Amino acid sequence: METLDLRVQKTYRSLIHAFEELLNKKEFENILVTELCDAAMIRRPTFYSHFLDKYDFLTFFIRHKMNLIFDNVFKDLNQKSEDKAYQFFILVFKQLLKQPDNLLELIFSVQIKSDIITELKGIQEYGQSMLKKHVNTGKNYGNAIIVNEYKSQIVMGITIKSVYWYKINKNNISKEEMISLYEETLEKLW
C-alpha cells in the first residue's frame, strides 16, 4: 500500500481481509456493502468516504492483488540473471496459480461483464505500465515499443487463459505439469 495514514491503512487491510473471507462464502454479486462493512468492523460512511460503491472497491482490491503479485515477481526477478522478460511471465504465471480459485473466478467472470469492463481497463493499463517499466520483452525491431506492447498483450492473454484452463482441469494435470506446459508454450512464442 502507498504511504497512507495509519488509520486508512488499517481500514483498507480490514476491508481486504473481510472481502476475501466473504468471497469464500458467496459470489461477489451477492455481497452487500453493509455485509462487507460489518465483517471489516467499519462504518458504512467510512467505506463510502473511500469508495463510490462495491465495484469501485473491487477495482481497488484487484489492483492490490496485482501489486502483491508484481512485488513478488519483481523480488524474484531481480535474483535471476537470465532473460528477464521470459522469466517475468513464468513468475507471473506461478503467482497466479497460487491465487485461490474463488478470487480467480471472480476476476475472470468480472472481465466478461460489460458494465465493469471500463473499470478493469484501468487495471489492465496499470499491468501494462508495470511491464513497460520493468521488462524489455524482446529483440529490438524498428519500432520496439509497439512490438513489446504487442508481445506483452499476447503473452499476458496466454497467461490468463492458461491459468483459467488449469483451474478447470486441475484434476487432470498437476501444477508442475502445467508450469512445464506453459514454459514450453512460451519458448515456442519467444
Protein backbone atom coordinates (compact mmCIF):
# COMPACT_ATOMS: atom_id res chain seq x y z
CA MET A 1 0.00 0.00 0.00
CA GLU A 2 1.09 3.57 -0.59
CA THR A 3 2.21 5.74 2.28
CA LEU A 4 -1.15 6.42 3.84
CA ASP A 5 -2.38 7.49 7.23
CA LEU A 6 -2.21 4.54 9.62
CA ARG A 7 -6.00 4.58 10.10
CA VAL A 8 -6.56 4.39 6.33
CA GLN A 9 -4.08 1.50 6.07
CA LYS A 10 -5.94 -0.36 8.82
CA THR A 11 -9.28 0.32 7.12
CA TYR A 12 -8.02 -0.99 3.78
CA ARG A 13 -6.41 -4.04 5.37
CA SER A 14 -9.60 -4.82 7.25
CA LEU A 15 -11.74 -4.42 4.12
CA ILE A 16 -9.42 -6.62 2.05
CA HIS A 17 -9.39 -9.36 4.68
CA ALA A 18 -13.18 -9.21 5.16
CA PHE A 19 -13.75 -9.24 1.39
CA GLU A 20 -11.56 -12.33 0.95
CA GLU A 21 -13.49 -14.09 3.72
CA LEU A 22 -16.85 -13.16 2.18
CA LEU A 23 -15.66 -14.37 -1.25
CA ASN A 24 -15.07 -17.79 0.29
CA LYS A 25 -18.74 -17.92 1.24
CA LYS A 26 -20.57 -16.23 -1.64
CA GLU A 27 -20.27 -14.70 -5.08
CA PHE A 28 -19.29 -11.06 -5.48
CA GLU A 29 -22.70 -10.04 -6.85
CA ASN A 30 -24.33 -11.26 -3.63
CA ILE A 31 -22.00 -9.38 -1.27
CA LEU A 32 -23.58 -6.23 0.10
CA VAL A 33 -21.61 -3.18 1.20
CA THR A 34 -23.31 -3.49 4.59
CA GLU A 35 -22.01 -7.06 4.96
CA LEU A 36 -18.52 -6.02 3.96
CA CYS A 37 -18.55 -3.15 6.45
CA ASP A 38 -19.85 -5.37 9.23
CA ALA A 39 -17.22 -8.05 8.52
CA ALA A 40 -14.47 -5.41 8.37
CA MET A 41 -15.83 -3.71 11.50
CA ILE A 42 -16.05 -0.31 9.86
CA ARG A 43 -18.97 2.05 9.39
CA ARG A 44 -20.68 2.50 6.01
CA PRO A 45 -19.81 6.22 5.90
CA THR A 46 -16.15 5.24 6.28
CA PHE A 47 -16.47 2.85 3.33
CA TYR A 48 -18.15 5.50 1.19
CA SER A 49 -15.54 8.10 2.08
CA HIS A 50 -13.01 5.88 0.27
CA PHE A 51 -15.06 4.12 -2.43
CA LEU A 52 -18.01 5.05 -4.64
CA ASP A 53 -19.56 1.58 -4.42
CA LYS A 54 -18.62 -2.08 -4.26
CA TYR A 55 -17.40 -2.03 -7.88
CA ASP A 56 -15.00 0.78 -7.06
CA PHE A 57 -13.80 -1.30 -4.11
CA LEU A 58 -13.42 -4.32 -6.42
CA THR A 59 -11.14 -2.29 -8.68
CA PHE A 60 -9.09 -1.29 -5.63
CA PHE A 61 -8.99 -4.90 -4.44
CA ILE A 62 -7.80 -6.24 -7.81
CA ARG A 63 -5.11 -3.54 -8.01
CA HIS A 64 -4.00 -4.51 -4.53
CA LYS A 65 -3.75 -8.17 -5.55
CA MET A 66 -1.84 -7.19 -8.70
CA ASN A 67 0.59 -5.17 -6.61
CA LEU A 68 1.25 -8.19 -4.41
CA ILE A 69 1.78 -10.43 -7.42
CA PHE A 70 4.09 -7.94 -9.16
CA ASP A 71 6.02 -7.25 -5.93
CA ASN A 72 6.70 -10.97 -5.53
CA VAL A 73 7.61 -11.36 -9.18
CA PHE A 74 9.99 -8.38 -9.24
CA LYS A 75 11.62 -9.53 -6.00
CA ASP A 76 12.27 -12.94 -7.55
CA LEU A 77 13.16 -11.44 -10.94
CA ASN A 78 15.96 -9.32 -9.51
CA GLN A 79 17.66 -12.52 -8.33
CA LYS A 80 17.66 -14.01 -11.83
CA SER A 81 20.30 -13.22 -14.45
CA GLU A 82 18.59 -14.98 -17.38
CA ASP A 83 16.22 -13.47 -19.95
CA LYS A 84 14.16 -11.18 -17.71
CA ALA A 85 11.10 -10.92 -19.93
CA TYR A 86 10.73 -14.68 -20.26
CA GLN A 87 11.31 -15.18 -16.52
CA PHE A 88 8.85 -12.40 -15.72
CA PHE A 89 5.98 -14.22 -17.43
CA ILE A 90 6.89 -17.56 -15.86
CA LEU A 91 6.91 -15.96 -12.41
CA VAL A 92 3.60 -14.16 -13.02
CA PHE A 93 2.06 -17.45 -14.12
CA LYS A 94 3.29 -19.21 -10.97
CA GLN A 95 1.94 -16.39 -8.80
CA LEU A 96 -1.46 -16.59 -10.50
CA LEU A 97 -1.60 -20.35 -9.93
CA LYS A 98 -1.14 -19.68 -6.19
CA GLN A 99 -4.26 -17.49 -6.02
CA PRO A 100 -7.43 -19.02 -4.56
CA ASP A 101 -9.89 -20.38 -7.10
CA ASN A 102 -12.68 -18.07 -5.94
CA LEU A 103 -10.53 -14.99 -6.48
CA LEU A 104 -9.50 -16.05 -9.98
CA GLU A 105 -13.08 -16.99 -10.78
CA LEU A 106 -14.18 -13.50 -9.72
CA ILE A 107 -11.56 -11.80 -11.87
CA PHE A 108 -12.36 -13.94 -14.91
CA SER A 109 -16.13 -13.57 -14.52
CA VAL A 110 -15.86 -9.82 -13.96
CA GLN A 111 -13.94 -9.42 -17.23
CA ILE A 112 -16.91 -10.89 -19.10
CA LYS A 113 -19.47 -8.45 -17.68
CA SER A 114 -19.73 -5.34 -19.80
CA ASP A 115 -20.67 -2.93 -17.03
CA ILE A 116 -17.36 -3.47 -15.25
CA ILE A 117 -15.07 -3.60 -18.30
CA THR A 118 -14.40 0.14 -18.16
CA GLU A 119 -13.18 -0.10 -14.57
CA LEU A 120 -10.97 -3.09 -15.36
CA LYS A 121 -9.43 -1.32 -18.36
CA GLY A 122 -7.57 0.88 -15.89
CA ILE A 123 -6.24 -2.22 -14.16
CA GLN A 124 -5.13 -3.70 -17.49
CA GLU A 125 -3.36 -0.42 -18.36
CA TYR A 126 -1.71 -0.50 -14.93
CA GLY A 127 -0.40 -4.01 -15.60
CA GLN A 128 0.94 -2.93 -18.98
CA SER A 129 2.71 0.08 -17.44
CA MET A 130 4.33 -2.26 -14.89
CA LEU A 131 5.60 -4.40 -17.77
CA LYS A 132 6.94 -1.42 -19.72
CA LYS A 133 8.81 -0.05 -16.72
CA HIS A 134 10.48 -3.26 -15.67
CA VAL A 135 10.76 -5.65 -18.58
CA ASN A 136 12.14 -5.34 -22.09
CA THR A 137 10.20 -8.01 -23.93
CA GLY A 138 12.31 -8.92 -26.88
CA LYS A 139 14.52 -8.10 -29.82
CA ASN A 140 14.99 -4.52 -30.94
CA TYR A 141 12.82 -4.11 -34.03
CA GLY A 142 12.36 -0.81 -35.85
CA ASN A 143 9.51 0.14 -33.54
CA ALA A 144 10.40 -1.73 -30.34
CA ILE A 145 7.67 -0.08 -28.24
CA ILE A 146 4.86 -1.39 -30.45
CA VAL A 147 6.45 -4.84 -30.73
CA ASN A 148 6.91 -5.03 -26.95
CA GLU A 149 3.34 -3.93 -26.26
CA TYR A 150 2.01 -6.46 -28.75
CA LYS A 151 4.16 -9.25 -27.35
CA SER A 152 3.13 -8.37 -23.79
CA GLN A 153 -0.56 -8.41 -24.73
CA ILE A 154 -0.27 -11.81 -26.44
CA VAL A 155 1.73 -13.40 -23.63
CA MET A 156 -0.49 -11.94 -20.89
CA GLY A 157 -3.54 -13.28 -22.76
CA ILE A 158 -1.97 -16.72 -22.94
CA THR A 159 -1.00 -16.47 -19.28
CA ILE A 160 -4.53 -15.62 -18.14
CA LYS A 161 -6.13 -18.27 -20.37
CA SER A 162 -3.60 -20.86 -19.15
CA VAL A 163 -4.40 -20.12 -15.51
CA TYR A 164 -8.12 -20.36 -16.26
CA TRP A 165 -7.65 -23.62 -18.17
CA TYR A 166 -5.59 -25.09 -15.31
CA LYS A 167 -8.20 -24.16 -12.70
CA ILE A 168 -10.85 -26.02 -14.72
CA ASN A 169 -8.63 -29.04 -15.43
CA LYS A 170 -6.52 -29.27 -12.27
CA ASN A 171 -7.86 -32.74 -11.50
CA ASN A 172 -6.29 -33.98 -14.75
CA ILE A 173 -2.91 -32.20 -14.65
CA SER A 174 -0.50 -31.36 -11.83
CA LYS A 175 0.67 -27.82 -11.17
CA GLU A 176 4.21 -28.83 -12.13
CA GLU A 177 2.99 -30.30 -15.44
CA MET A 178 1.01 -27.13 -16.13
CA ILE A 179 4.01 -24.91 -15.45
CA SER A 180 6.07 -27.10 -17.78
CA LEU A 181 3.40 -26.89 -20.49
CA TYR A 182 3.23 -23.10 -20.07
CA GLU A 183 7.03 -22.79 -20.30
CA GLU A 184 7.06 -24.91 -23.48
CA THR A 185 4.37 -22.68 -25.00
CA LEU A 186 6.30 -19.53 -24.13
CA GLU A 187 9.52 -20.95 -25.59
CA LYS A 188 7.73 -21.56 -28.90
CA LEU A 189 6.46 -17.97 -28.94
CA TRP A 190 9.68 -16.38 -27.82
